[in-house]
């Protein structure tokens, strides 16, 4: 899944719950971390790893592939609220770009 496509889930708790069910995820949102591979932009593929699997490392390697952490799912959901991006007419592109800017500049 691309980061831009994940915005629908981050802005809707119902959709996020459905995604968890589809992926068979049974851990808490604050224990599920979002990682990217290679580069961070709105079209980056995202990967989910548990806190236990990564030990919350900023950079994590699995099977010879290096991943960089963005946020926990829970933090990303809260950040969208904190930045007042929920329930507005913002595009997924705009929301994803704001999260990236926050990750780079403020996190």
Protein backbone atom coordinates (compact mmCIF):
# COMPACT_ATOMS: atom_id res chain seq x y z
CA UNK A 1 0.00 0.00 0.00
CA UNK A 2 1.18 3.51 -0.78
CA UNK A 3 1.39 6.14 1.95
CA UNK A 4 -1.11 8.35 0.10
CA UNK A 5 -3.65 5.48 0.03
CA UNK A 6 -3.25 4.85 3.75
CA UNK A 7 -4.66 8.31 4.52
CA UNK A 8 -8.21 6.99 4.08
CA UNK A 9 -7.55 4.56 6.93
CA UNK A 10 -5.84 7.06 9.20
CA UNK A 11 -8.72 9.50 8.89
CA UNK A 12 -11.43 6.88 9.49
CA UNK A 13 -11.33 4.64 12.58
CA UNK A 14 -13.91 2.33 10.99
CA UNK A 15 -11.80 1.76 7.88
CA UNK A 16 -8.69 1.30 10.00
CA UNK A 17 -10.46 -1.40 12.01
CA UNK A 18 -11.51 -3.10 8.77
CA UNK A 19 -7.92 -3.00 7.52
CA UNK A 20 -6.68 -4.57 10.75
CA UNK A 21 -9.21 -7.38 10.29
CA UNK A 22 -8.27 -7.90 6.63
CA UNK A 23 -4.56 -8.07 7.49
CA UNK A 24 -5.12 -10.25 10.55
CA UNK A 25 -3.57 -7.64 12.84
CA UNK A 26 -4.44 -8.16 16.48
CA UNK A 27 -1.98 -5.84 18.24
CA UNK A 28 -2.73 -2.39 19.63
CA UNK A 29 -2.35 0.61 17.28
CA UNK A 30 0.47 2.05 19.41
CA UNK A 31 2.40 -1.20 18.90
CA UNK A 32 2.05 -1.20 15.12
CA UNK A 33 4.73 0.84 13.37
CA UNK A 34 4.69 2.28 9.86
CA UNK A 35 7.91 1.92 7.87
CA UNK A 36 9.01 2.86 4.36
CA UNK A 37 11.71 1.36 2.20
CA UNK A 38 14.19 3.37 0.12
CA UNK A 39 12.65 6.86 0.34
CA UNK A 40 9.84 8.83 1.97
CA UNK A 41 7.25 10.52 -0.19
CA UNK A 42 3.51 10.28 -0.66
CA UNK A 43 3.92 7.42 -3.14
CA UNK A 44 6.25 5.34 -0.95
CA UNK A 45 5.19 1.80 -0.23
CA UNK A 46 4.50 1.40 3.47
CA UNK A 47 5.12 -1.65 5.60
CA UNK A 48 3.79 -2.54 9.02
CA UNK A 49 5.89 -4.12 11.74
CA UNK A 50 5.17 -4.70 15.39
CA UNK A 51 7.00 -2.90 18.13
CA UNK A 52 8.26 -6.27 19.38
CA UNK A 53 9.71 -7.14 15.98
CA UNK A 54 11.58 -3.86 15.50
CA UNK A 55 12.32 -2.82 19.09
CA UNK A 56 11.10 0.61 17.97
CA UNK A 57 14.29 1.16 15.96
CA UNK A 58 14.23 4.14 13.62
CA UNK A 59 16.00 2.04 10.98
CA UNK A 60 15.18 -1.65 10.87
CA UNK A 61 16.54 -4.40 8.65
CA UNK A 62 14.69 -7.59 7.75
CA UNK A 63 15.80 -10.19 5.20
CA UNK A 64 18.50 -7.82 3.96
CA UNK A 65 16.06 -4.96 3.32
CA UNK A 66 16.37 -1.69 5.24
CA UNK A 67 13.22 0.08 6.42
CA UNK A 68 12.86 3.52 8.00
CA UNK A 69 10.17 4.20 10.59
CA UNK A 70 7.68 7.00 10.12
CA UNK A 71 5.33 6.72 13.12
CA UNK A 72 3.23 4.25 15.02
CA UNK A 73 -0.26 3.96 13.58
CA UNK A 74 -1.69 5.35 16.80
CA UNK A 75 0.61 8.39 16.69
CA UNK A 76 -0.25 9.05 13.04
CA UNK A 77 -3.99 8.98 13.86
CA UNK A 78 -3.45 11.38 16.76
CA UNK A 79 -1.22 13.61 14.66
CA UNK A 80 -3.93 13.99 12.02
CA UNK A 81 -6.25 15.23 14.77
CA UNK A 82 -3.58 17.43 16.33
CA UNK A 83 -2.82 19.06 12.97
CA UNK A 84 -6.58 19.52 12.43
CA UNK A 85 -6.59 17.47 9.22
CA UNK A 86 -9.63 15.30 10.03
CA UNK A 87 -13.13 15.99 8.71
CA UNK A 88 -11.95 18.69 6.35
CA UNK A 89 -12.01 18.72 2.56
CA UNK A 90 -8.28 18.02 2.35
CA UNK A 91 -7.05 15.56 -0.24
CA UNK A 92 -5.11 12.45 0.72
CA UNK A 93 -2.14 14.01 -1.04
CA UNK A 94 -2.30 17.08 1.19
CA UNK A 95 -2.68 15.04 4.39
CA UNK A 96 0.16 12.69 3.44
CA UNK A 97 2.42 15.62 2.59
CA UNK A 98 1.68 17.29 5.95
CA UNK A 99 2.56 14.06 7.79
CA UNK A 100 5.81 13.79 5.85
CA UNK A 101 6.67 17.41 6.64
CA UNK A 102 5.98 16.77 10.31
CA UNK A 103 8.08 13.60 10.25
CA UNK A 104 11.03 15.40 8.68
CA UNK A 105 10.85 18.71 10.53
CA UNK A 106 9.20 18.12 13.88
CA UNK A 107 9.40 14.51 14.90
